[in-house]
């Protein structure tokens, strides 16, 4: 902030009749205090921005051509992810005093209500489009969800 801007700010605060004004910007914090019997007092403190450490970069070389590439074993490769069709608030129960719609280990069929998503004061039942077993619930109750955010992992077998 330039000296002329600070002077203009002091004049403005003095005319406004305010007792104290604080202004905080990226690299400076200014507090102007006035009292009826003296001129404004200006305190300027630098704001220290901590340096962020950069994680080390790891460079890997590709496997030599004579060794066959083996894909990593993925336990979740056969699982189907059920995602949110809308933006809203995710609820596992129809109301606070009712039991949850589904839990980990439950078997579901097509059309089973999995949860409710509240959007614009409307509660929308989210139904399963597949059959299978709930393996994991990826969202906490009463949490906001985005469009296409993963909600459940289902084992279709």
Protein backbone atom coordinates (compact mmCIF):
# COMPACT_ATOMS: atom_id res chain seq x y z
CA UNK A 1 0.00 0.00 0.00
CA UNK A 2 1.36 3.42 -0.95
CA UNK A 3 1.88 6.23 1.53
CA UNK A 4 -0.66 8.45 -0.25
CA UNK A 5 -3.33 5.72 0.10
CA UNK A 6 -2.58 5.39 3.82
CA UNK A 7 -2.85 9.17 4.27
CA UNK A 8 -6.20 9.22 2.44
CA UNK A 9 -7.41 6.34 4.62
CA UNK A 10 -6.42 8.24 7.79
CA UNK A 11 -8.31 11.33 6.62
CA UNK A 12 -11.36 9.26 5.76
CA UNK A 13 -11.36 7.53 9.18
CA UNK A 14 -10.89 10.86 10.99
CA UNK A 15 -13.87 12.39 9.14
CA UNK A 16 -16.07 9.33 9.65
CA UNK A 17 -15.87 9.52 13.43
CA UNK A 18 -14.94 5.83 13.79
CA UNK A 19 -12.79 4.98 16.80
CA UNK A 20 -10.86 2.15 15.18
CA UNK A 21 -10.46 0.67 11.68
CA UNK A 22 -8.41 -2.40 10.75
CA UNK A 23 -7.43 -3.24 7.19
CA UNK A 24 -5.69 -6.50 6.33
CA UNK A 25 -4.29 -7.26 2.90
CA UNK A 26 -1.89 -9.84 1.50
CA UNK A 27 1.33 -8.40 2.89
CA UNK A 28 0.30 -5.71 5.34
CA UNK A 29 -2.07 -5.11 8.24
CA UNK A 30 -3.03 -1.54 9.15
CA UNK A 31 -4.94 -0.48 12.26
CA UNK A 32 -6.03 3.14 12.65
CA UNK A 33 -7.20 4.22 16.09
CA UNK A 34 -8.62 7.66 16.77
CA UNK A 35 -9.61 9.43 19.93
CA UNK A 36 -11.37 12.75 20.42
CA UNK A 37 -8.38 14.51 21.98
CA UNK A 38 -5.52 13.41 19.69
CA UNK A 39 -4.72 12.73 16.06
CA UNK A 40 -5.12 9.24 14.55
CA UNK A 41 -2.55 6.60 15.48
CA UNK A 42 -1.45 4.28 12.66
CA UNK A 43 0.09 0.88 13.34
CA UNK A 44 1.41 -1.13 10.43
CA UNK A 45 2.48 -4.75 10.86
CA UNK A 46 3.89 -6.99 8.14
CA UNK A 47 2.10 -10.29 7.75
CA UNK A 48 4.46 -13.22 7.48
CA UNK A 49 3.35 -15.82 4.96
CA UNK A 50 4.83 -19.22 5.81
CA UNK A 51 6.73 -20.98 3.04
CA UNK A 52 5.11 -24.17 1.90
CA UNK A 53 7.36 -27.13 1.43
CA UNK A 54 7.26 -28.79 -1.93
CA UNK A 55 7.02 -32.58 -1.83
CA UNK A 56 9.98 -34.36 -3.40
CA UNK A 57 9.58 -35.48 -6.98
CA UNK A 58 10.18 -39.15 -7.60
CA UNK A 59 11.28 -40.21 -11.03
CA UNK A 60 10.83 -43.83 -11.97
CA UNK A 61 12.24 -45.50 -14.99
CA UNK A 62 10.15 -47.92 -17.05
CA UNK A 63 10.73 -51.64 -16.70
CA UNK A 64 13.28 -53.07 -19.12
CA UNK A 65 11.62 -54.50 -22.25
CA UNK A 66 12.58 -58.09 -21.43
CA UNK A 67 10.52 -58.17 -18.20
CA UNK A 68 6.75 -58.57 -18.70
CA UNK A 69 4.62 -55.87 -17.14
CA UNK A 70 2.33 -57.24 -14.43
CA UNK A 71 -0.74 -55.15 -13.62
CA UNK A 72 -1.16 -54.50 -9.89
CA UNK A 73 -3.79 -56.60 -8.18
CA UNK A 74 -6.79 -54.41 -7.36
CA UNK A 75 -9.29 -55.79 -4.85
CA UNK A 76 -11.86 -53.20 -5.90
CA UNK A 77 -11.63 -53.78 -9.67
CA UNK A 78 -14.93 -55.70 -9.78
CA UNK A 79 -16.83 -53.20 -7.61
CA UNK A 80 -19.40 -50.81 -9.05
CA UNK A 81 -19.53 -47.23 -7.79
CA UNK A 82 -22.95 -45.65 -7.28
CA UNK A 83 -22.67 -41.88 -7.70
CA UNK A 84 -24.86 -38.94 -6.79
CA UNK A 85 -27.22 -37.89 -9.57
CA UNK A 86 -27.68 -34.41 -8.06
CA UNK A 87 -26.07 -31.80 -5.82
CA UNK A 88 -27.45 -31.66 -2.28
CA UNK A 89 -27.19 -33.04 1.25
CA UNK A 90 -26.76 -36.81 1.68
CA UNK A 91 -28.88 -38.58 4.32
CA UNK A 92 -28.69 -42.29 5.15
CA UNK A 93 -32.08 -42.28 6.97
CA UNK A 94 -35.56 -41.15 5.93
CA UNK A 95 -35.78 -39.20 9.23
CA UNK A 96 -33.62 -38.88 12.36
CA UNK A 97 -35.65 -41.43 14.34
CA UNK A 98 -35.74 -44.08 11.58
CA UNK A 99 -33.11 -46.75 10.76
CA UNK A 100 -30.67 -46.31 7.87
CA UNK A 101 -31.79 -47.38 4.39
CA UNK A 102 -28.76 -49.65 3.79
CA UNK A 103 -25.62 -50.59 5.66
CA UNK A 104 -22.34 -52.27 4.73
CA UNK A 105 -22.99 -55.94 4.02
CA UNK A 106 -26.63 -55.46 3.00
CA UNK A 107 -27.81 -57.11 -0.20
CA UNK A 108 -29.62 -54.75 -2.55
CA UNK A 109 -31.70 -55.24 -5.66
CA UNK A 110 -32.67 -52.93 -8.47
CA UNK A 111 -35.00 -50.24 -7.09
CA UNK A 112 -33.79 -50.47 -3.47
CA UNK A 113 -33.71 -47.01 -1.86
CA UNK A 114 -30.10 -46.39 -0.80
CA UNK A 115 -30.29 -42.87 0.61
CA UNK A 116 -32.02 -39.51 0.33
CA UNK A 117 -30.46 -36.38 -1.13
CA UNK A 118 -32.02 -33.07 -0.17
CA UNK A 119 -31.84 -30.44 -2.89
CA UNK A 120 -33.67 -27.12 -2.64
CA UNK A 121 -35.87 -28.34 0.24
CA UNK A 122 -36.92 -31.44 -1.74
CA UNK A 123 -35.97 -34.91 -0.54
CA UNK A 124 -35.06 -37.20 -3.44
CA UNK A 125 -34.92 -40.99 -2.94
CA UNK A 126 -31.82 -42.42 -4.59
CA UNK A 127 -32.59 -45.94 -5.83
CA UNK A 128 -30.16 -48.63 -6.88
CA UNK A 129 -29.93 -49.41 -10.58
CA UNK A 130 -28.03 -52.64 -9.89
CA UNK A 131 -28.21 -55.67 -7.63
CA UNK A 132 -25.39 -56.68 -5.32
CA UNK A 133 -23.91 -56.26 -1.87
CA UNK A 134 -22.94 -52.93 -0.26
CA UNK A 135 -19.18 -53.05 0.33
CA UNK A 136 -18.50 -49.48 1.43
CA UNK A 137 -20.41 -46.25 2.13
CA UNK A 138 -18.23 -43.38 0.94
CA UNK A 139 -20.12 -40.39 2.38
CA UNK A 140 -20.96 -39.45 5.98
CA UNK A 141 -24.56 -38.82 6.95
CA UNK A 142 -25.72 -35.19 6.57
CA UNK A 143 -22.78 -34.32 4.31
CA UNK A 144 -23.00 -32.16 1.20
CA UNK A 145 -22.47 -34.06 -2.06
CA UNK A 146 -21.67 -32.94 -5.58
CA UNK A 147 -23.04 -34.21 -8.87
CA UNK A 148 -21.41 -37.53 -9.81
CA UNK A 149 -19.68 -37.86 -6.41
CA UNK A 150 -19.19 -41.54 -5.42
CA UNK A 151 -21.62 -42.60 -2.67
CA UNK A 152 -21.48 -46.41 -2.43
CA UNK A 153 -19.29 -49.28 -3.58
CA UNK A 154 -21.30 -52.37 -4.57
CA UNK A 155 -20.09 -55.90 -5.29
CA UNK A 156 -22.38 -57.13 -8.10
CA UNK A 157 -21.45 -60.83 -7.70
